[in-house]
Amino acid sequence: MGEQKATNIVWHQGAVTRADRERLNGHRGATVWFTGLSGSGKSTIAVALEKALWERGVHAFVLDGDNVRHGLNKNLGFSPASARWRSCSPTPASSR
């Protein structure tokens, strides 16, 4: 990771711990992040993995970048200006 530039941010600890979530869900948590070119199959693989995990009793969710762009980031495109904004935003910008 690069050097942190913002000095006015504070980490806010949640009331639910990772151990709490693992105990409730019955399994450990993880994030799988697919990267690649547009149209390379990231979403297709993510959806298939979500289904396979769900069938095994693992709680899973796909957060797809295009879906995010329909909601929270609906006013953003792929221009250099949008890319600069996304790089500063806590909102996911790729197939998260």
PDB file of N, CA and C in Angstrom:
ATOM      1  N   MET A   1       0.828  -1.182   0.000  1.00  0.00           N
ATOM      2  CA  MET A   1       0.000   0.000   0.000  1.00  0.00           C
ATOM      3  C   MET A   1       0.870   1.240   0.000  1.00  0.00           C
ATOM      4  N   GLY A   2       0.321   2.285  -0.570  1.00  0.00           N
ATOM      5  CA  GLY A   2       1.054   3.538  -0.609  1.00  0.00           C
ATOM      6  C   GLY A   2       0.943   4.299   0.694  1.00  0.00           C
ATOM      7  N   GLU A   3       1.648   5.407   0.722  1.00  0.00           N
ATOM      8  CA  GLU A   3       1.631   6.265   1.899  1.00  0.00           C
ATOM      9  C   GLU A   3       0.246   6.880   2.091  1.00  0.00           C
ATOM     10  N   GLN A   4      -0.233   6.899   3.315  1.00  0.00           N
ATOM     11  CA  GLN A   4      -1.537   7.500   3.611  1.00  0.00           C
ATOM     12  C   GLN A   4      -1.410   9.006   3.531  1.00  0.00           C
ATOM     13  N   LYS A   5      -2.254   9.633   2.722  1.00  0.00           N
ATOM     14  CA  LYS A   5      -2.184  11.080   2.527  1.00  0.00           C
ATOM     15  C   LYS A   5      -3.142  11.834   3.435  1.00  0.00           C
ATOM     16  N   ALA A   6      -4.311  11.257   3.697  1.00  0.00           N
ATOM     17  CA  ALA A   6      -5.296  11.942   4.539  1.00  0.00           C
ATOM     18  C   ALA A   6      -4.870  11.873   5.997  1.00  0.00           C
ATOM     19  N   THR A   7      -5.020  12.978   6.684  1.00  0.00           N
ATOM     20  CA  THR A   7      -4.654  13.018   8.111  1.00  0.00           C
ATOM     21  C   THR A   7      -5.876  13.184   9.002  1.00  0.00           C
ATOM     22  N   ASN A   8      -7.045  13.330   8.406  1.00  0.00           N
ATOM     23  CA  ASN A   8      -8.250  13.595   9.192  1.00  0.00           C
ATOM     24  C   ASN A   8      -9.189  12.396   9.242  1.00  0.00           C
ATOM     25  N   ILE A   9      -8.633  11.186   9.167  1.00  0.00           N
ATOM     26  CA  ILE A   9      -9.470   9.994   9.243  1.00  0.00           C
ATOM     27  C   ILE A   9      -9.169   9.221  10.514  1.00  0.00           C
ATOM     28  N   VAL A  10     -10.191   8.576  11.039  1.00  0.00           N
ATOM     29  CA  VAL A  10     -10.073   7.831  12.289  1.00  0.00           C
ATOM     30  C   VAL A  10     -10.682   6.451  12.081  1.00  0.00           C
ATOM     31  N   TRP A  11      -9.985   5.402  12.518  1.00  0.00           N
ATOM     32  CA  TRP A  11     -10.525   4.044  12.449  1.00  0.00           C
ATOM     33  C   TRP A  11     -11.632   3.906  13.477  1.00  0.00           C
ATOM     34  N   HIS A  12     -12.800   3.425  13.039  1.00  0.00           N
ATOM     35  CA  HIS A  12     -13.928   3.208  13.942  1.00  0.00           C
ATOM     36  C   HIS A  12     -14.115   1.713  14.131  1.00  0.00           C
ATOM     37  N   GLN A  13     -13.873   1.247  15.338  1.00  0.00           N
ATOM     38  CA  GLN A  13     -14.009  -0.164  15.661  1.00  0.00           C
ATOM     39  C   GLN A  13     -15.483  -0.542  15.708  1.00  0.00           C
ATOM     40  N   GLY A  14     -15.859  -1.634  15.050  1.00  0.00           N
ATOM     41  CA  GLY A  14     -17.232  -2.103  15.084  1.00  0.00           C
ATOM     42  C   GLY A  14     -17.542  -2.820  16.387  1.00  0.00           C
ATOM     43  N   ALA A  15     -18.829  -3.001  16.654  1.00  0.00           N
ATOM     44  CA  ALA A  15     -19.267  -3.677  17.879  1.00  0.00           C
ATOM     45  C   ALA A  15     -19.268  -5.190  17.709  1.00  0.00           C
ATOM     46  N   VAL A  16     -19.252  -5.668  16.459  1.00  0.00           N
ATOM     47  CA  VAL A  16     -19.254  -7.106  16.176  1.00  0.00           C
ATOM     48  C   VAL A  16     -17.850  -7.475  15.693  1.00  0.00           C
ATOM     49  N   THR A  17     -17.229  -8.423  16.378  1.00  0.00           N
ATOM     50  CA  THR A  17     -15.865  -8.817  16.027  1.00  0.00           C
ATOM     51  C   THR A  17     -15.868  -9.896  14.944  1.00  0.00           C
ATOM     52  N   ARG A  18     -14.716 -10.123  14.385  1.00  0.00           N
ATOM     53  CA  ARG A  18     -14.563 -11.199  13.413  1.00  0.00           C
ATOM     54  C   ARG A  18     -14.926 -12.546  14.040  1.00  0.00           C
ATOM     55  N   ALA A  19     -14.483 -12.759  15.278  1.00  0.00           N
ATOM     56  CA  ALA A  19     -14.800 -14.012  15.989  1.00  0.00           C
ATOM     57  C   ALA A  19     -16.312 -14.161  16.169  1.00  0.00           C
ATOM     58  N   ASP A  20     -17.007 -13.059  16.468  1.00  0.00           N
ATOM     59  CA  ASP A  20     -18.470 -13.092  16.589  1.00  0.00           C
ATOM     60  C   ASP A  20     -19.101 -13.557  15.274  1.00  0.00           C
ATOM     61  N   ARG A  21     -18.648 -12.996  14.173  1.00  0.00           N
ATOM     62  CA  ARG A  21     -19.200 -13.362  12.864  1.00  0.00           C
ATOM     63  C   ARG A  21     -18.919 -14.829  12.540  1.00  0.00           C
ATOM     64  N   GLU A  22     -17.700 -15.263  12.823  1.00  0.00           N
ATOM     65  CA  GLU A  22     -17.337 -16.652  12.537  1.00  0.00           C
ATOM     66  C   GLU A  22     -18.177 -17.615  13.365  1.00  0.00           C
ATOM     67  N   ARG A  23     -18.409 -17.272  14.611  1.00  0.00           N
ATOM     68  CA  ARG A  23     -19.220 -18.128  15.482  1.00  0.00           C
ATOM     69  C   ARG A  23     -20.659 -18.206  14.949  1.00  0.00           C
ATOM     70  N   LEU A  24     -21.233 -17.075  14.567  1.00  0.00           N
ATOM     71  CA  LEU A  24     -22.597 -17.042  14.062  1.00  0.00           C
ATOM     72  C   LEU A  24     -22.729 -17.779  12.724  1.00  0.00           C
ATOM     73  N   ASN A  25     -21.767 -17.559  11.830  1.00  0.00           N
ATOM     74  CA  ASN A  25     -21.830 -18.150  10.487  1.00  0.00           C
ATOM     75  C   ASN A  25     -21.380 -19.605  10.435  1.00  0.00           C
ATOM     76  N   GLY A  26     -20.583 -19.999  11.403  1.00  0.00           N
ATOM     77  CA  GLY A  26     -20.080 -21.372  11.397  1.00  0.00           C
ATOM     78  C   GLY A  26     -18.898 -21.587  10.468  1.00  0.00           C
ATOM     79  N   HIS A  27     -18.301 -20.516  10.003  1.00  0.00           N
ATOM     80  CA  HIS A  27     -17.104 -20.614   9.152  1.00  0.00           C
ATOM     81  C   HIS A  27     -16.365 -19.281   9.182  1.00  0.00           C
ATOM     82  N   ARG A  28     -15.099 -19.337   8.797  1.00  0.00           N
ATOM     83  CA  ARG A  28     -14.278 -18.129   8.738  1.00  0.00           C
ATOM     84  C   ARG A  28     -14.699 -17.276   7.559  1.00  0.00           C
ATOM     85  N   GLY A  29     -14.441 -15.999   7.645  1.00  0.00           N
ATOM     86  CA  GLY A  29     -14.731 -15.072   6.566  1.00  0.00           C
ATOM     87  C   GLY A  29     -13.519 -14.885   5.664  1.00  0.00           C
ATOM     88  N   ALA A  30     -13.778 -14.484   4.438  1.00  0.00           N
ATOM     89  CA  ALA A  30     -12.701 -14.208   3.490  1.00  0.00           C
ATOM     90  C   ALA A  30     -13.235 -13.303   2.392  1.00  0.00           C
ATOM     91  N   THR A  31     -12.329 -12.654   1.710  1.00  0.00           N
ATOM     92  CA  THR A  31     -12.665 -11.865   0.537  1.00  0.00           C
ATOM     93  C   THR A  31     -11.899 -12.436  -0.643  1.00  0.00           C
ATOM     94  N   VAL A  32     -12.588 -12.686  -1.726  1.00  0.00           N
ATOM     95  CA  VAL A  32     -11.960 -13.128  -2.970  1.00  0.00           C
ATOM     96  C   VAL A  32     -12.189 -12.001  -3.961  1.00  0.00           C
ATOM     97  N   TRP A  33     -11.116 -11.444  -4.484  1.00  0.00           N
ATOM     98  CA  TRP A  33     -11.208 -10.281  -5.363  1.00  0.00           C
ATOM     99  C   TRP A  33     -10.656 -10.663  -6.727  1.00  0.00           C
ATOM    100  N   PHE A  34     -11.537 -10.689  -7.727  1.00  0.00           N
ATOM    101  CA  PHE A  34     -11.122 -11.010  -9.087  1.00  0.00           C
ATOM    102  C   PHE A  34     -10.746  -9.736  -9.821  1.00  0.00           C
ATOM    103  N   THR A  35      -9.598  -9.759 -10.481  1.00  0.00           N
ATOM    104  CA  THR A  35      -9.170  -8.627 -11.290  1.00  0.00           C
ATOM    105  C   THR A  35      -8.925  -9.110 -12.707  1.00  0.00           C
ATOM    106  N   GLY A  36      -9.054  -8.217 -13.636  1.00  0.00           N
ATOM    107  CA  GLY A  36      -8.805  -8.560 -15.031  1.00  0.00           C
ATOM    108  C   GLY A  36      -9.475  -7.568 -15.956  1.00  0.00           C
ATOM    109  N   LEU A  37      -9.282  -7.783 -17.213  1.00  0.00           N
ATOM    110  CA  LEU A  37      -9.845  -6.889 -18.216  1.00  0.00           C
ATOM    111  C   LEU A  37     -11.358  -6.990 -18.265  1.00  0.00           C
ATOM    112  N   SER A  38     -11.980  -5.921 -18.738  1.00  0.00           N
ATOM    113  CA  SER A  38     -13.414  -5.910 -18.933  1.00  0.00           C
ATOM    114  C   SER A  38     -13.791  -7.028 -19.899  1.00  0.00           C
ATOM    115  N   GLY A  39     -14.823  -7.789 -19.540  1.00  0.00           N
ATOM    116  CA  GLY A  39     -15.276  -8.875 -20.404  1.00  0.00           C
ATOM    117  C   GLY A  39     -14.472 -10.153 -20.305  1.00  0.00           C
ATOM    118  N   SER A  40     -13.575 -10.241 -19.313  1.00  0.00           N
ATOM    119  CA  SER A  40     -12.701 -11.417 -19.204  1.00  0.00           C
ATOM    120  C   SER A  40     -13.329 -12.569 -18.420  1.00  0.00           C
ATOM    121  N   GLY A  41     -14.530 -12.365 -17.861  1.00  0.00           N
ATOM    122  CA  GLY A  41     -15.207 -13.457 -17.172  1.00  0.00           C
ATOM    123  C   GLY A  41     -15.183 -13.390 -15.658  1.00  0.00           C
ATOM    124  N   LYS A  42     -14.742 -12.268 -15.096  1.00  0.00           N
ATOM    125  CA  LYS A  42     -14.667 -12.139 -13.634  1.00  0.00           C
ATOM    126  C   LYS A  42     -16.026 -12.367 -12.976  1.00  0.00           C
ATOM    127  N   SER A  43     -17.053 -11.699 -13.483  1.00  0.00           N
ATOM    128  CA  SER A  43     -18.386 -11.815 -12.888  1.00  0.00           C
ATOM    129  C   SER A  43     -18.942 -13.220 -13.051  1.00  0.00           C
ATOM    130  N   THR A  44     -18.719 -13.829 -14.200  1.00  0.00           N
ATOM    131  CA  THR A  44     -19.203 -15.190 -14.450  1.00  0.00           C
ATOM    132  C   THR A  44     -18.590 -16.167 -13.451  1.00  0.00           C
ATOM    133  N   ILE A  45     -17.298 -16.047 -13.238  1.00  0.00           N
ATOM    134  CA  ILE A  45     -16.606 -16.919 -12.283  1.00  0.00           C
ATOM    135  C   ILE A  45     -17.079 -16.622 -10.858  1.00  0.00           C
ATOM    136  N   ALA A  46     -17.227 -15.341 -10.528  1.00  0.00           N
ATOM    137  CA  ALA A  46     -17.665 -14.964  -9.184  1.00  0.00           C
ATOM    138  C   ALA A  46     -19.048 -15.515  -8.871  1.00  0.00           C
ATOM    139  N   VAL A  47     -19.968 -15.432  -9.823  1.00  0.00           N
ATOM    140  CA  VAL A  47     -21.329 -15.931  -9.603  1.00  0.00           C
ATOM    141  C   VAL A  47     -21.324 -17.453  -9.457  1.00  0.00           C
ATOM    142  N   ALA A  48     -20.520 -18.134 -10.258  1.00  0.00           N
ATOM    143  CA  ALA A  48     -20.424 -19.595 -10.143  1.00  0.00           C
ATOM    144  C   ALA A  48     -19.827 -19.990  -8.785  1.00  0.00           C
ATOM    145  N   LEU A  49     -18.817 -19.261  -8.339  1.00  0.00           N
ATOM    146  CA  LEU A  49     -18.213 -19.540  -7.034  1.00  0.00           C
ATOM    147  C   LEU A  49     -19.206 -19.271  -5.908  1.00  0.00           C
ATOM    148  N   GLU A  50     -19.948 -18.172  -6.009  1.00  0.00           N
ATOM    149  CA  GLU A  50     -20.957 -17.863  -5.003  1.00  0.00           C
ATOM    150  C   GLU A  50     -21.955 -19.009  -4.877  1.00  0.00           C
ATOM    151  N   LYS A  51     -22.426 -19.522  -6.000  1.00  0.00           N
ATOM    152  CA  LYS A  51     -23.398 -20.615  -5.989  1.00  0.00           C
ATOM    153  C   LYS A  51     -22.804 -21.878  -5.377  1.00  0.00           C
ATOM    154  N   ALA A  52     -21.566 -22.203  -5.754  1.00  0.00           N
ATOM    155  CA  ALA A  52     -20.908 -23.399  -5.220  1.00  0.00           C
ATOM    156  C   ALA A  52     -20.705 -23.284  -3.707  1.00  0.00           C
ATOM    157  N   LEU A  53     -20.296 -22.126  -3.243  1.00  0.00           N
ATOM    158  CA  LEU A  53     -20.111 -21.925  -1.804  1.00  0.00           C
ATOM    159  C   LEU A  53     -21.446 -22.009  -1.075  1.00  0.00           C
ATOM    160  N   TRP A  54     -22.459 -21.368  -1.631  1.00  0.00           N
ATOM    161  CA  TRP A  54     -23.786 -21.371  -1.008  1.00  0.00           C
ATOM    162  C   TRP A  54     -24.318 -22.791  -0.872  1.00  0.00           C
ATOM    163  N   GLU A  55     -24.101 -23.603  -1.913  1.00  0.00           N
ATOM    164  CA  GLU A  55     -24.550 -25.004  -1.875  1.00  0.00           C
ATOM    165  C   GLU A  55     -23.833 -25.811  -0.800  1.00  0.00           C
ATOM    166  N   ARG A  56     -22.662 -25.353  -0.389  1.00  0.00           N
ATOM    167  CA  ARG A  56     -21.906 -26.016   0.680  1.00  0.00           C
ATOM    168  C   ARG A  56     -22.213 -25.416   2.053  1.00  0.00           C
ATOM    169  N   GLY A  57     -23.170 -24.493   2.111  1.00  0.00           N
ATOM    170  CA  GLY A  57     -23.544 -23.890   3.389  1.00  0.00           C
ATOM    171  C   GLY A  57     -22.684 -22.715   3.797  1.00  0.00           C
ATOM    172  N   VAL A  58     -21.929 -22.171   2.863  1.00  0.00           N
ATOM    173  CA  VAL A  58     -21.067 -21.028   3.155  1.00  0.00           C
ATOM    174  C   VAL A  58     -21.788 -19.757   2.714  1.00  0.00           C
ATOM    175  N   HIS A  59     -21.917 -18.801   3.617  1.00  0.00           N
ATOM    176  CA  HIS A  59     -22.538 -17.530   3.277  1.00  0.00           C
ATOM    177  C   HIS A  59     -21.628 -16.800   2.302  1.00  0.00           C
ATOM    178  N   ALA A  60     -22.182 -16.424   1.160  1.00  0.00           N
ATOM    179  CA  ALA A  60     -21.379 -15.774   0.126  1.00  0.00           C
ATOM    180  C   ALA A  60     -22.195 -14.689  -0.547  1.00  0.00           C
ATOM    181  N   PHE A  61     -21.500 -13.670  -1.065  1.00  0.00           N
ATOM    182  CA  PHE A  61     -22.148 -12.570  -1.739  1.00  0.00           C
ATOM    183  C   PHE A  61     -21.213 -12.000  -2.789  1.00  0.00           C
ATOM    184  N   VAL A  62     -21.724 -11.737  -3.975  1.00  0.00           N
ATOM    185  CA  VAL A  62     -20.938 -11.109  -5.036  1.00  0.00           C
ATOM    186  C   VAL A  62     -21.264  -9.623  -5.045  1.00  0.00           C
ATOM    187  N   LEU A  63     -20.245  -8.810  -4.951  1.00  0.00           N
ATOM    188  CA  LEU A  63     -20.389  -7.366  -5.095  1.00  0.00           C
ATOM    189  C   LEU A  63     -19.692  -7.000  -6.400  1.00  0.00           C
ATOM    190  N   ASP A  64     -20.464  -6.883  -7.445  1.00  0.00           N
ATOM    191  CA  ASP A  64     -19.938  -6.658  -8.789  1.00  0.00           C
ATOM    192  C   ASP A  64     -19.847  -5.161  -9.093  1.00  0.00           C
ATOM    193  N   GLY A  65     -18.771  -4.764  -9.690  1.00  0.00           N
ATOM    194  CA  GLY A  65     -18.546  -3.345 -10.000  1.00  0.00           C
ATOM    195  C   GLY A  65     -19.621  -2.741 -10.867  1.00  0.00           C
ATOM    196  N   ASP A  66     -20.088  -3.461 -11.874  1.00  0.00           N
ATOM    197  CA  ASP A  66     -21.150  -2.928 -12.725  1.00  0.00           C
ATOM    198  C   ASP A  66     -22.424  -2.713 -11.919  1.00  0.00           C
ATOM    199  N   ASN A  67     -22.719  -3.621 -10.998  1.00  0.00           N
ATOM    200  CA  ASN A  67     -23.906  -3.459 -10.150  1.00  0.00           C
ATOM    201  C   ASN A  67     -23.765  -2.240  -9.243  1.00  0.00           C
ATOM    202  N   VAL A  68     -22.572  -2.017  -8.722  1.00  0.00           N
ATOM    203  CA  VAL A  68     -22.331  -0.839  -7.888  1.00  0.00           C
ATOM    204  C   VAL A  68     -22.552   0.422  -8.718  1.00  0.00           C
ATOM    205  N   ARG A  69     -22.126   0.380  -9.976  1.00  0.00           N
ATOM    206  CA  ARG A  69     -22.294   1.538 -10.849  1.00  0.00           C
ATOM    207  C   ARG A  69     -23.770   1.827 -11.175  1.00  0.00           C
ATOM    208  N   HIS A  70     -24.647   0.868 -10.958  1.00  0.00           N
ATOM    209  CA  HIS A  70     -26.076   1.121 -11.146  1.00  0.00           C
ATOM    210  C   HIS A  70     -26.665   1.870  -9.955  1.00  0.00           C
ATOM    211  N   GLY A  71     -25.996   1.843  -8.822  1.00  0.00           N
ATOM    212  CA  GLY A  71     -26.526   2.452  -7.606  1.00  0.00           C
ATOM    213  C   GLY A  71     -25.653   3.577  -7.096  1.00  0.00           C
ATOM    214  N   LEU A  72     -24.774   3.249  -6.145  1.00  0.00           N
ATOM    215  CA  LEU A  72     -23.972   4.272  -5.468  1.00  0.00           C
ATOM    216  C   LEU A  72     -23.144   5.118  -6.419  1.00  0.00           C
ATOM    217  N   ASN A  73     -22.577   4.499  -7.435  1.00  0.00           N
ATOM    218  CA  ASN A  73     -21.694   5.212  -8.356  1.00  0.00           C
ATOM    219  C   ASN A  73     -22.332   5.403  -9.723  1.00  0.00           C
ATOM    220  N   LYS A  74     -23.658   5.556  -9.787  1.00  0.00           N
ATOM    221  CA  LYS A  74     -24.332   5.600 -11.074  1.00  0.00           C
ATOM    222  C   LYS A  74     -23.930   6.796 -11.928  1.00  0.00           C
ATOM    223  N   ASN A  75     -23.351   7.808 -11.321  1.00  0.00           N
ATOM    224  CA  ASN A  75     -22.938   8.968 -12.093  1.00  0.00           C
ATOM    225  C   ASN A  75     -21.476   8.895 -12.541  1.00  0.00           C
ATOM    226  N   LEU A  76     -20.817   7.781 -12.269  1.00  0.00           N
ATOM    227  CA  LEU A  76     -19.412   7.644 -12.653  1.00  0.00           C
ATOM    228  C   LEU A  76     -19.269   6.791 -13.898  1.00  0.00           C
ATOM    229  N   GLY A  77     -18.346   7.163 -14.727  1.00  0.00           N
ATOM    230  CA  GLY A  77     -18.033   6.382 -15.918  1.00  0.00           C
ATOM    231  C   GLY A  77     -16.621   5.854 -15.830  1.00  0.00           C
ATOM    232  N   PHE A  78     -15.970   5.770 -16.969  1.00  0.00           N
ATOM    233  CA  PHE A  78     -14.605   5.258 -17.025  1.00  0.00           C
ATOM    234  C   PHE A  78     -13.624   6.324 -17.490  1.00  0.00           C
ATOM    235  N   SER A  79     -14.037   7.581 -17.431  1.00  0.00           N
ATOM    236  CA  SER A  79     -13.170   8.679 -17.852  1.00  0.00           C
ATOM    237  C   SER A  79     -12.031   8.848 -16.840  1.00  0.00           C
ATOM    238  N   PRO A  80     -10.968   9.554 -17.232  1.00  0.00           N
ATOM    239  CA  PRO A  80      -9.891   9.823 -16.266  1.00  0.00           C
ATOM    240  C   PRO A  80     -10.391  10.541 -15.015  1.00  0.00           C
ATOM    241  N   ALA A  81     -11.353  11.458 -15.160  1.00  0.00           N
ATOM    242  CA  ALA A  81     -11.881  12.164 -13.988  1.00  0.00           C
ATOM    243  C   ALA A  81     -12.609  11.209 -13.052  1.00  0.00           C
ATOM    244  N   SER A  82     -13.406  10.301 -13.600  1.00  0.00           N
ATOM    245  CA  SER A  82     -14.101   9.316 -12.773  1.00  0.00           C
ATOM    246  C   SER A  82     -13.109   8.385 -12.090  1.00  0.00           C
ATOM    247  N   ALA A  83     -12.072   8.001 -12.808  1.00  0.00           N
ATOM    248  CA  ALA A  83     -11.059   7.111 -12.226  1.00  0.00           C
ATOM    249  C   ALA A  83     -10.360   7.793 -11.057  1.00  0.00           C
ATOM    250  N   ARG A  84     -10.076   9.074 -11.191  1.00  0.00           N
ATOM    251  CA  ARG A  84      -9.443   9.804 -10.081  1.00  0.00           C
ATOM    252  C   ARG A  84     -10.368   9.834  -8.873  1.00  0.00           C
ATOM    253  N   TRP A  85     -11.675  10.070  -9.087  1.00  0.00           N
ATOM    254  CA  TRP A  85     -12.617  10.095  -7.978  1.00  0.00           C
ATOM    255  C   TRP A  85     -12.705   8.725  -7.328  1.00  0.00           C
ATOM    256  N   ARG A  86     -12.791   7.657  -8.133  1.00  0.00           N
ATOM    257  CA  ARG A  86     -12.901   6.308  -7.580  1.00  0.00           C
ATOM    258  C   ARG A  86     -11.692   5.969  -6.734  1.00  0.00           C
ATOM    259  N   SER A  87     -10.517   6.436  -7.126  1.00  0.00           N
ATOM    260  CA  SER A  87      -9.308   6.096  -6.377  1.00  0.00           C
ATOM    261  C   SER A  87      -9.307   6.736  -4.992  1.00  0.00           C
ATOM    262  N   CYS A  88     -10.122   7.755  -4.771  1.00  0.00           N
ATOM    263  CA  CYS A  88     -10.226   8.412  -3.469  1.00  0.00           C
ATOM    264  C   CYS A  88     -11.431   7.961  -2.685  1.00  0.00           C
ATOM    265  N   SER A  89     -12.310   7.172  -3.308  1.00  0.00           N
ATOM    266  CA  SER A  89     -13.584   6.821  -2.721  1.00  0.00           C
ATOM    267  C   SER A  89     -13.521   5.490  -1.974  1.00  0.00           C
ATOM    268  N   PRO A  90     -14.246   5.355  -0.854  1.00  0.00           N
ATOM    269  CA  PRO A  90     -14.302   4.070  -0.169  1.00  0.00           C
ATOM    270  C   PRO A  90     -15.236   3.090  -0.879  1.00  0.00           C
ATOM    271  N   THR A  91     -15.963   3.564  -1.894  1.00  0.00           N
ATOM    272  CA  THR A  91     -16.887   2.713  -2.623  1.00  0.00           C
ATOM    273  C   THR A  91     -16.119   1.849  -3.607  1.00  0.00           C
ATOM    274  N   PRO A  92     -16.380   0.553  -3.665  1.00  0.00           N
ATOM    275  CA  PRO A  92     -15.664  -0.328  -4.580  1.00  0.00           C
ATOM    276  C   PRO A  92     -15.806   0.116  -6.029  1.00  0.00           C
ATOM    277  N   ALA A  93     -14.740  -0.092  -6.800  1.00  0.00           N
ATOM    278  CA  ALA A  93     -14.753   0.352  -8.179  1.00  0.00           C
ATOM    279  C   ALA A  93     -14.585  -0.790  -9.165  1.00  0.00           C
ATOM    280  N   SER A  94     -14.253  -1.973  -8.725  1.00  0.00           N
ATOM    281  CA  SER A  94     -14.115  -3.089  -9.644  1.00  0.00           C
ATOM    282  C   SER A  94     -14.991  -4.231  -9.174  1.00  0.00           C
ATOM    283  N   SER A  95     -14.746  -5.420  -9.642  1.00  0.00           N
ATOM    284  CA  SER A  95     -15.693  -6.526  -9.436  1.00  0.00           C
ATOM    285  C   SER A  95     -15.818  -6.961  -8.000  1.00  0.00           C
ATOM    286  N   ARG A  96     -15.632  -6.081  -7.115  1.00  0.00           N
ATOM    287  CA  ARG A  96     -15.825  -6.395  -5.707  1.00  0.00           C
ATOM    288  C   ARG A  96     -17.216  -6.822  -5.449  1.00  0.00           C
TER     289      ARG A  96
END
